[in-house]
Every structure is written in structure tokens, then in C-alpha cells.
Amino acid sequence: MLEKIQKNLIEAQKAKDELKVSTLRLLLGAIKNFAIAKESASYNPSDEEILGVIQKEIKQRKESIESYKAGGRQELADKESKELEILQGYLPEQMGEEEIRKLVDSAVAETSASSMQDMGKVMGVLSPKLKGKADMGLVSGVVKEKLS
């Protein structure tokens, strides 16, 4: 995955796509920071760890978009939206809400969850299955809906 991002950065530089170049550089910087925090600059993160970094970057973009819209800065919100699209291109195919609901139902049955106090158990079962494949905010909302 890291090689793919680096290759795409070179392609974007050749195509003079400034937004994609800056977005990919920020992403590579975030991955390098993750590697440094983990071990050392020479640490090679796994694809799963890189997906986690990408998801974190996507979450930051979503929060920034909301903040910019609330502050009346539409041009900055648009820029963040374009960066968000670029980053989402590196995520695997996302699950639909219907699939998520089925998995939540089976996780609730598996953990015998009956109230909001059991949410941690349910999310603990779902997180490894859905990491990178679904918006965990949506998953959390479906679990809350199911347990309340």
C-alpha cells in the first residue's frame, strides 16, 4: 500500500496535480510519523496500519469540513472535500448499511447484549471485522440504535 501511495505521488507530480500532491505528501508524512511513534523511521508499517492512518486522516477531513461550513468558509470546506475524496480512494470497498446491520445483529446475539452498557462488548466484536471496511461512526450509530 505504501508503494502504491508513493507511486501515485510521483504520477501526480508529473501531472502537476497540486492538490493530490499535497494530500499524498501529508498522508505520507502521517504514515512516517506513525512509523516513528511505533519504532523508528525505518519501521515499515503493515497495510492494516496504513489503513488506520488513512482513516484517521479521513476523520480529520470530515471534522474540518464541518468546522469550515459552520464558520462560513465554503472554499476551505470544498478543498477539504476534494482531499477527502483522494484519501477515500485508498480505502477498500466500504460496506453498505444493510450489511452493517446484519453484522450488528449477529454481534448482539453473539455477545447476548441487551442494553447500552453492553455496547463495548458489541463494538469489540465488530471492530476487527469491520476495520477499514466500514465507517465506524455509522457502525456505532447502528449499535446504539439496536441496544436502545
N, C-alpha and C. Protein backbone atom coordinates (compact mmCIF):
# COMPACT_ATOMS: atom_id res chain seq x y z
N MET A 1 0.83 -1.19 0.00
CA MET A 1 0.00 0.00 0.00
C MET A 1 0.88 1.25 0.00
N LEU A 2 1.94 1.22 0.79
CA LEU A 2 2.84 2.37 0.87
C LEU A 2 3.46 2.65 -0.50
N GLU A 3 3.86 1.59 -1.19
CA GLU A 3 4.44 1.74 -2.53
C GLU A 3 3.42 2.36 -3.49
N LYS A 4 2.17 1.94 -3.38
CA LYS A 4 1.11 2.47 -4.24
C LYS A 4 0.95 3.98 -4.02
N ILE A 5 0.95 4.40 -2.77
CA ILE A 5 0.80 5.83 -2.45
C ILE A 5 1.98 6.61 -3.00
N GLN A 6 3.20 6.08 -2.82
CA GLN A 6 4.39 6.76 -3.33
C GLN A 6 4.37 6.84 -4.86
N LYS A 7 3.92 5.78 -5.50
CA LYS A 7 3.82 5.76 -6.97
C LYS A 7 2.80 6.80 -7.44
N ASN A 8 1.66 6.85 -6.75
CA ASN A 8 0.62 7.84 -7.09
C ASN A 8 1.11 9.26 -6.89
N LEU A 9 1.96 9.47 -5.89
CA LEU A 9 2.53 10.80 -5.65
C LEU A 9 3.39 11.22 -6.84
N ILE A 10 4.21 10.32 -7.31
CA ILE A 10 5.08 10.63 -8.46
C ILE A 10 4.22 10.93 -9.69
N GLU A 11 3.18 10.13 -9.90
CA GLU A 11 2.27 10.36 -11.05
C GLU A 11 1.60 11.73 -10.92
N ALA A 12 1.16 12.08 -9.72
CA ALA A 12 0.51 13.37 -9.51
C ALA A 12 1.49 14.52 -9.74
N GLN A 13 2.76 14.32 -9.35
CA GLN A 13 3.76 15.35 -9.58
C GLN A 13 3.98 15.55 -11.08
N LYS A 14 4.04 14.45 -11.81
CA LYS A 14 4.22 14.54 -13.27
C LYS A 14 3.03 15.21 -13.94
N ALA A 15 1.83 14.94 -13.41
CA ALA A 15 0.61 15.52 -13.97
C ALA A 15 0.36 16.94 -13.46
N LYS A 16 1.22 17.40 -12.54
CA LYS A 16 1.11 18.74 -11.94
C LYS A 16 -0.25 18.95 -11.25
N ASP A 17 -0.72 17.88 -10.59
CA ASP A 17 -1.96 17.93 -9.81
C ASP A 17 -1.59 18.35 -8.39
N GLU A 18 -1.57 19.66 -8.14
CA GLU A 18 -1.07 20.19 -6.87
C GLU A 18 -1.84 19.71 -5.66
N LEU A 19 -3.17 19.62 -5.77
CA LEU A 19 -3.98 19.19 -4.63
C LEU A 19 -3.66 17.74 -4.26
N LYS A 20 -3.57 16.88 -5.26
CA LYS A 20 -3.27 15.47 -4.99
C LYS A 20 -1.85 15.33 -4.43
N VAL A 21 -0.91 16.10 -4.97
CA VAL A 21 0.47 16.05 -4.48
C VAL A 21 0.51 16.44 -3.00
N SER A 22 -0.14 17.54 -2.65
CA SER A 22 -0.10 17.99 -1.25
C SER A 22 -0.82 17.00 -0.34
N THR A 23 -1.94 16.45 -0.80
CA THR A 23 -2.69 15.48 0.01
C THR A 23 -1.86 14.22 0.26
N LEU A 24 -1.23 13.72 -0.80
CA LEU A 24 -0.44 12.50 -0.66
C LEU A 24 0.82 12.74 0.18
N ARG A 25 1.39 13.92 0.07
CA ARG A 25 2.56 14.24 0.91
C ARG A 25 2.16 14.28 2.38
N LEU A 26 1.00 14.88 2.66
CA LEU A 26 0.51 14.91 4.04
C LEU A 26 0.26 13.49 4.55
N LEU A 27 -0.32 12.65 3.69
CA LEU A 27 -0.59 11.26 4.07
C LEU A 27 0.71 10.51 4.34
N LEU A 28 1.70 10.67 3.46
CA LEU A 28 2.99 10.01 3.67
C LEU A 28 3.66 10.51 4.95
N GLY A 29 3.50 11.80 5.23
CA GLY A 29 4.04 12.36 6.47
C GLY A 29 3.37 11.75 7.69
N ALA A 30 2.05 11.57 7.61
CA ALA A 30 1.32 10.97 8.72
C ALA A 30 1.74 9.51 8.91
N ILE A 31 1.98 8.80 7.82
CA ILE A 31 2.43 7.41 7.91
C ILE A 31 3.83 7.35 8.53
N LYS A 32 4.70 8.28 8.11
CA LYS A 32 6.06 8.32 8.66
C LYS A 32 6.01 8.64 10.16
N ASN A 33 5.15 9.59 10.55
CA ASN A 33 5.00 9.92 11.98
C ASN A 33 4.53 8.70 12.77
N PHE A 34 3.60 7.94 12.16
CA PHE A 34 3.12 6.72 12.80
C PHE A 34 4.27 5.74 12.99
N ALA A 35 5.09 5.59 11.94
CA ALA A 35 6.23 4.66 11.99
C ALA A 35 7.23 5.08 13.06
N ILE A 36 7.48 6.38 13.15
CA ILE A 36 8.42 6.90 14.16
C ILE A 36 7.88 6.64 15.56
N ALA A 37 6.59 6.88 15.75
CA ALA A 37 5.99 6.64 17.06
C ALA A 37 6.00 5.16 17.41
N LYS A 38 5.91 4.32 16.40
CA LYS A 38 5.86 2.87 16.60
C LYS A 38 7.24 2.29 16.93
N GLU A 39 8.20 2.59 16.13
CA GLU A 39 9.54 2.01 16.30
C GLU A 39 10.61 3.03 15.97
N SER A 40 10.82 3.17 14.65
CA SER A 40 11.83 4.10 14.16
C SER A 40 11.44 4.52 12.76
N ALA A 41 12.16 5.47 12.18
CA ALA A 41 11.83 5.96 10.85
C ALA A 41 11.94 4.85 9.81
N SER A 42 12.73 3.82 10.09
CA SER A 42 12.88 2.72 9.13
C SER A 42 11.82 1.64 9.31
N TYR A 43 10.95 1.78 10.32
CA TYR A 43 9.87 0.81 10.54
C TYR A 43 8.94 0.83 9.33
N ASN A 44 8.59 -0.35 8.85
CA ASN A 44 7.72 -0.45 7.68
C ASN A 44 6.32 -0.87 8.13
N PRO A 45 5.37 0.06 8.19
CA PRO A 45 4.04 -0.28 8.69
C PRO A 45 3.30 -1.24 7.75
N SER A 46 2.45 -2.07 8.32
CA SER A 46 1.67 -3.00 7.52
C SER A 46 0.54 -2.25 6.82
N ASP A 47 -0.07 -2.91 5.84
CA ASP A 47 -1.18 -2.30 5.12
C ASP A 47 -2.33 -1.96 6.07
N GLU A 48 -2.55 -2.82 7.07
CA GLU A 48 -3.62 -2.58 8.03
C GLU A 48 -3.34 -1.32 8.85
N GLU A 49 -2.08 -1.13 9.24
CA GLU A 49 -1.71 0.07 9.99
C GLU A 49 -1.84 1.31 9.12
N ILE A 50 -1.47 1.19 7.85
CA ILE A 50 -1.60 2.32 6.92
C ILE A 50 -3.07 2.67 6.73
N LEU A 51 -3.94 1.65 6.66
CA LEU A 51 -5.38 1.91 6.57
C LEU A 51 -5.87 2.69 7.78
N GLY A 52 -5.35 2.34 8.95
CA GLY A 52 -5.72 3.07 10.17
C GLY A 52 -5.32 4.53 10.09
N VAL A 53 -4.11 4.80 9.55
CA VAL A 53 -3.65 6.18 9.38
C VAL A 53 -4.56 6.91 8.39
N ILE A 54 -4.90 6.25 7.29
CA ILE A 54 -5.77 6.86 6.28
C ILE A 54 -7.13 7.19 6.89
N GLN A 55 -7.67 6.26 7.67
CA GLN A 55 -8.96 6.51 8.31
C GLN A 55 -8.89 7.69 9.28
N LYS A 56 -7.80 7.80 9.98
CA LYS A 56 -7.61 8.93 10.90
C LYS A 56 -7.58 10.25 10.11
N GLU A 57 -6.87 10.25 9.00
CA GLU A 57 -6.81 11.44 8.15
C GLU A 57 -8.19 11.79 7.58
N ILE A 58 -8.96 10.77 7.20
CA ILE A 58 -10.31 10.98 6.68
C ILE A 58 -11.19 11.60 7.77
N LYS A 59 -11.08 11.08 8.98
CA LYS A 59 -11.87 11.61 10.10
C LYS A 59 -11.53 13.08 10.33
N GLN A 60 -10.23 13.42 10.26
CA GLN A 60 -9.82 14.82 10.42
C GLN A 60 -10.43 15.69 9.34
N ARG A 61 -10.44 15.19 8.09
CA ARG A 61 -11.01 15.98 6.99
C ARG A 61 -12.50 16.22 7.21
N LYS A 62 -13.22 15.19 7.65
CA LYS A 62 -14.66 15.33 7.90
C LYS A 62 -14.93 16.37 8.98
N GLU A 63 -14.13 16.33 10.05
CA GLU A 63 -14.30 17.31 11.13
C GLU A 63 -13.98 18.71 10.63
N SER A 64 -12.95 18.85 9.81
CA SER A 64 -12.57 20.16 9.27
C SER A 64 -13.67 20.70 8.37
N ILE A 65 -14.26 19.83 7.55
CA ILE A 65 -15.34 20.26 6.66
C ILE A 65 -16.49 20.83 7.47
N GLU A 66 -16.88 20.14 8.53
CA GLU A 66 -17.97 20.63 9.38
C GLU A 66 -17.61 21.98 10.00
N SER A 67 -16.37 22.10 10.49
CA SER A 67 -15.94 23.34 11.12
C SER A 67 -15.95 24.50 10.12
N TYR A 68 -15.43 24.24 8.93
CA TYR A 68 -15.37 25.30 7.91
C TYR A 68 -16.77 25.71 7.48
N LYS A 69 -17.67 24.75 7.34
CA LYS A 69 -19.05 25.09 6.95
C LYS A 69 -19.72 25.91 8.04
N ALA A 70 -19.49 25.52 9.29
CA ALA A 70 -20.08 26.26 10.42
C ALA A 70 -19.52 27.68 10.48
N GLY A 71 -18.25 27.84 10.08
CA GLY A 71 -17.61 29.14 10.11
C GLY A 71 -17.82 29.96 8.85
N GLY A 72 -18.60 29.41 7.89
CA GLY A 72 -18.88 30.14 6.66
C GLY A 72 -17.71 30.19 5.70
N ARG A 73 -16.80 29.22 5.75
CA ARG A 73 -15.63 29.18 4.87
C ARG A 73 -15.80 28.05 3.85
N GLN A 74 -16.73 28.23 2.92
CA GLN A 74 -17.07 27.19 1.96
C GLN A 74 -15.89 26.79 1.08
N GLU A 75 -15.03 27.76 0.69
CA GLU A 75 -13.90 27.43 -0.19
C GLU A 75 -12.93 26.46 0.50
N LEU A 76 -12.73 26.62 1.81
CA LEU A 76 -11.87 25.70 2.55
C LEU A 76 -12.55 24.34 2.74
N ALA A 77 -13.87 24.37 2.93
CA ALA A 77 -14.62 23.12 3.05
C ALA A 77 -14.55 22.34 1.73
N ASP A 78 -14.62 23.04 0.60
CA ASP A 78 -14.52 22.38 -0.71
C ASP A 78 -13.15 21.74 -0.89
N LYS A 79 -12.09 22.44 -0.48
CA LYS A 79 -10.73 21.90 -0.60
C LYS A 79 -10.60 20.63 0.23
N GLU A 80 -11.10 20.68 1.46
CA GLU A 80 -11.05 19.50 2.34
C GLU A 80 -11.86 18.35 1.75
N SER A 81 -12.98 18.66 1.10
CA SER A 81 -13.81 17.62 0.47
C SER A 81 -13.05 16.92 -0.65
N LYS A 82 -12.30 17.70 -1.43
CA LYS A 82 -11.51 17.10 -2.51
C LYS A 82 -10.40 16.23 -1.94
N GLU A 83 -9.77 16.67 -0.86
CA GLU A 83 -8.74 15.86 -0.20
C GLU A 83 -9.36 14.57 0.34
N LEU A 84 -10.57 14.69 0.89
CA LEU A 84 -11.28 13.54 1.43
C LEU A 84 -11.51 12.49 0.34
N GLU A 85 -11.93 12.94 -0.86
CA GLU A 85 -12.16 12.03 -1.98
C GLU A 85 -10.87 11.30 -2.35
N ILE A 86 -9.75 12.02 -2.38
CA ILE A 86 -8.47 11.41 -2.73
C ILE A 86 -8.12 10.33 -1.71
N LEU A 87 -8.28 10.64 -0.43
CA LEU A 87 -7.94 9.69 0.63
C LEU A 87 -8.86 8.47 0.60
N GLN A 88 -10.14 8.69 0.32
CA GLN A 88 -11.09 7.57 0.31
C GLN A 88 -10.78 6.59 -0.82
N GLY A 89 -10.06 7.05 -1.84
CA GLY A 89 -9.67 6.17 -2.92
C GLY A 89 -8.73 5.06 -2.48
N TYR A 90 -8.12 5.20 -1.31
CA TYR A 90 -7.19 4.20 -0.81
C TYR A 90 -7.84 3.21 0.15
N LEU A 91 -9.10 3.46 0.48
CA LEU A 91 -9.80 2.52 1.36
C LEU A 91 -10.40 1.39 0.53
N PRO A 92 -10.53 0.20 1.12
CA PRO A 92 -11.21 -0.88 0.40
C PRO A 92 -12.69 -0.53 0.24
N GLU A 93 -13.36 -1.29 -0.58
CA GLU A 93 -14.80 -1.08 -0.81
C GLU A 93 -15.52 -1.04 0.53
N GLN A 94 -16.30 0.02 0.74
CA GLN A 94 -17.00 0.19 2.01
C GLN A 94 -18.30 -0.60 2.02
N MET A 95 -18.63 -1.18 3.18
CA MET A 95 -19.86 -1.95 3.32
C MET A 95 -21.06 -1.02 3.35
N GLY A 96 -22.16 -1.53 2.85
CA GLY A 96 -23.41 -0.79 2.89
C GLY A 96 -24.07 -0.91 4.25
N GLU A 97 -25.03 -0.05 4.50
CA GLU A 97 -25.69 -0.04 5.81
C GLU A 97 -26.42 -1.36 6.07
N GLU A 98 -26.97 -1.97 5.03
CA GLU A 98 -27.69 -3.23 5.18
C GLU A 98 -26.75 -4.33 5.71
N GLU A 99 -25.57 -4.44 5.13
CA GLU A 99 -24.58 -5.44 5.57
C GLU A 99 -24.16 -5.17 7.02
N ILE A 100 -23.96 -3.88 7.32
CA ILE A 100 -23.55 -3.50 8.68
C ILE A 100 -24.62 -3.92 9.68
N ARG A 101 -25.89 -3.67 9.34
CA ARG A 101 -26.99 -4.03 10.24
C ARG A 101 -27.01 -5.54 10.52
N LYS A 102 -26.75 -6.34 9.48
CA LYS A 102 -26.72 -7.81 9.66
C LYS A 102 -25.60 -8.21 10.61
N LEU A 103 -24.42 -7.62 10.42
CA LEU A 103 -23.29 -7.93 11.30
C LEU A 103 -23.55 -7.47 12.73
N VAL A 104 -24.19 -6.31 12.89
CA VAL A 104 -24.53 -5.81 14.23
C VAL A 104 -25.50 -6.78 14.90
N ASP A 105 -26.51 -7.24 14.15
CA ASP A 105 -27.48 -8.19 14.72
C ASP A 105 -26.79 -9.46 15.20
N SER A 106 -25.88 -9.98 14.38
CA SER A 106 -25.19 -11.22 14.78
C SER A 106 -24.25 -10.96 15.97
N ALA A 107 -23.61 -9.78 16.01
CA ALA A 107 -22.72 -9.46 17.14
C ALA A 107 -23.51 -9.28 18.42
N VAL A 108 -24.69 -8.69 18.33
CA VAL A 108 -25.54 -8.51 19.52
C VAL A 108 -25.97 -9.88 20.03
N ALA A 109 -26.35 -10.78 19.11
CA ALA A 109 -26.75 -12.14 19.51
C ALA A 109 -25.57 -12.89 20.11
N GLU A 110 -24.39 -12.75 19.49
CA GLU A 110 -23.18 -13.45 19.94
C GLU A 110 -22.77 -13.03 21.35
N THR A 111 -22.91 -11.73 21.66
CA THR A 111 -22.49 -11.23 22.97
C THR A 111 -23.63 -11.20 23.98
N SER A 112 -24.83 -11.56 23.56
CA SER A 112 -26.02 -11.51 24.42
C SER A 112 -26.22 -10.11 24.99
N ALA A 113 -25.94 -9.10 24.17
CA ALA A 113 -26.08 -7.71 24.61
C ALA A 113 -27.55 -7.34 24.70
N SER A 114 -27.88 -6.57 25.72
CA SER A 114 -29.28 -6.20 25.90
C SER A 114 -29.48 -4.72 26.21
N SER A 115 -28.40 -4.02 26.56
CA SER A 115 -28.54 -2.60 26.90
C SER A 115 -27.32 -1.83 26.42
N MET A 116 -27.38 -0.51 26.59
CA MET A 116 -26.27 0.34 26.16
C MET A 116 -24.98 0.02 26.91
N GLN A 117 -25.08 -0.56 28.09
CA GLN A 117 -23.88 -0.92 28.86
C GLN A 117 -23.08 -2.02 28.17
N ASP A 118 -23.72 -2.74 27.26
CA ASP A 118 -23.05 -3.82 26.52
C ASP A 118 -22.46 -3.34 25.20
N MET A 119 -22.53 -2.05 24.93
CA MET A 119 -22.05 -1.53 23.66
C MET A 119 -20.57 -1.84 23.44
N GLY A 120 -19.76 -1.73 24.48
CA GLY A 120 -18.34 -2.02 24.36
C GLY A 120 -18.07 -3.44 23.91
N LYS A 121 -18.85 -4.39 24.43
CA LYS A 121 -18.70 -5.79 24.03
C LYS A 121 -18.99 -5.95 22.54
N VAL A 122 -20.10 -5.35 22.12
CA VAL A 122 -20.53 -5.47 20.71
C VAL A 122 -19.50 -4.83 19.79
N MET A 123 -19.06 -3.63 20.15
CA MET A 123 -18.06 -2.93 19.31
C MET A 123 -16.75 -3.70 19.29
N GLY A 124 -16.41 -4.35 20.40
CA GLY A 124 -15.20 -5.16 20.47
C GLY A 124 -15.23 -6.32 19.49
N VAL A 125 -16.42 -6.89 19.29
CA VAL A 125 -16.57 -7.99 18.33
C VAL A 125 -16.55 -7.45 16.90
N LEU A 126 -17.19 -6.30 16.70
CA LEU A 126 -17.33 -5.75 15.34
C LEU A 126 -16.06 -5.08 14.82
N SER A 127 -15.32 -4.41 15.67
CA SER A 127 -14.16 -3.64 15.22
C SER A 127 -13.18 -4.43 14.36
N PRO A 128 -12.73 -5.61 14.79
CA PRO A 128 -11.77 -6.34 13.94
C PRO A 128 -12.37 -6.75 12.59
N LYS A 129 -13.67 -7.04 12.57
CA LYS A 129 -14.33 -7.48 11.33
C LYS A 129 -14.51 -6.33 10.35
N LEU A 130 -14.75 -5.13 10.88
CA LEU A 130 -15.14 -4.01 10.02
C LEU A 130 -14.05 -2.97 9.81
N LYS A 131 -12.94 -3.10 10.49
CA LYS A 131 -11.88 -2.09 10.39
C LYS A 131 -11.47 -1.88 8.94
N GLY A 132 -11.62 -0.66 8.47
CA GLY A 132 -11.25 -0.32 7.10
C GLY A 132 -12.33 -0.61 6.08
N LYS A 133 -13.34 -1.38 6.48
CA LYS A 133 -14.38 -1.78 5.53
C LYS A 133 -15.67 -0.99 5.73
N ALA A 134 -15.77 -0.27 6.84
CA ALA A 134 -17.00 0.47 7.13
C ALA A 134 -16.67 1.70 7.97
N ASP A 135 -17.52 2.70 7.87
CA ASP A 135 -17.40 3.90 8.69
C ASP A 135 -17.80 3.52 10.11
N MET A 136 -16.82 3.54 11.02
CA MET A 136 -17.10 3.10 12.39
C MET A 136 -18.09 4.01 13.10
N GLY A 137 -18.21 5.26 12.66
CA GLY A 137 -19.23 6.15 13.22
C GLY A 137 -20.63 5.64 12.90
N LEU A 138 -20.81 5.17 11.66
CA LEU A 138 -22.08 4.59 11.25
C LEU A 138 -22.35 3.30 12.03
N VAL A 139 -21.33 2.48 12.18
CA VAL A 139 -21.46 1.22 12.93
C VAL A 139 -21.90 1.52 14.36
N SER A 140 -21.24 2.48 14.99
CA SER A 140 -21.57 2.87 16.35
C SER A 140 -23.03 3.32 16.45
N GLY A 141 -23.47 4.11 15.48
CA GLY A 141 -24.86 4.58 15.46
C GLY A 141 -25.85 3.44 15.36
N VAL A 142 -25.54 2.46 14.50
CA VAL A 142 -26.42 1.30 14.33
C VAL A 142 -26.47 0.48 15.62
N VAL A 143 -25.32 0.32 16.29
CA VAL A 143 -25.27 -0.44 17.55
C VAL A 143 -26.10 0.29 18.61
N LYS A 144 -25.93 1.61 18.70
CA LYS A 144 -26.71 2.39 19.68
C LYS A 144 -28.19 2.23 19.43
N GLU A 145 -28.59 2.31 18.18
CA GLU A 145 -29.99 2.18 17.80
C GLU A 145 -30.53 0.80 18.20
N LYS A 146 -29.72 -0.22 17.98
CA LYS A 146 -30.12 -1.59 18.26
C LYS A 146 -30.25 -1.84 19.77
N LEU A 147 -29.36 -1.24 20.56
CA LEU A 147 -29.34 -1.50 22.01
C LEU A 147 -30.26 -0.59 22.81
N SER A 148 -30.78 0.47 22.21
CA SER A 148 -31.64 1.37 22.99
C SER A 148 -33.10 1.06 22.80
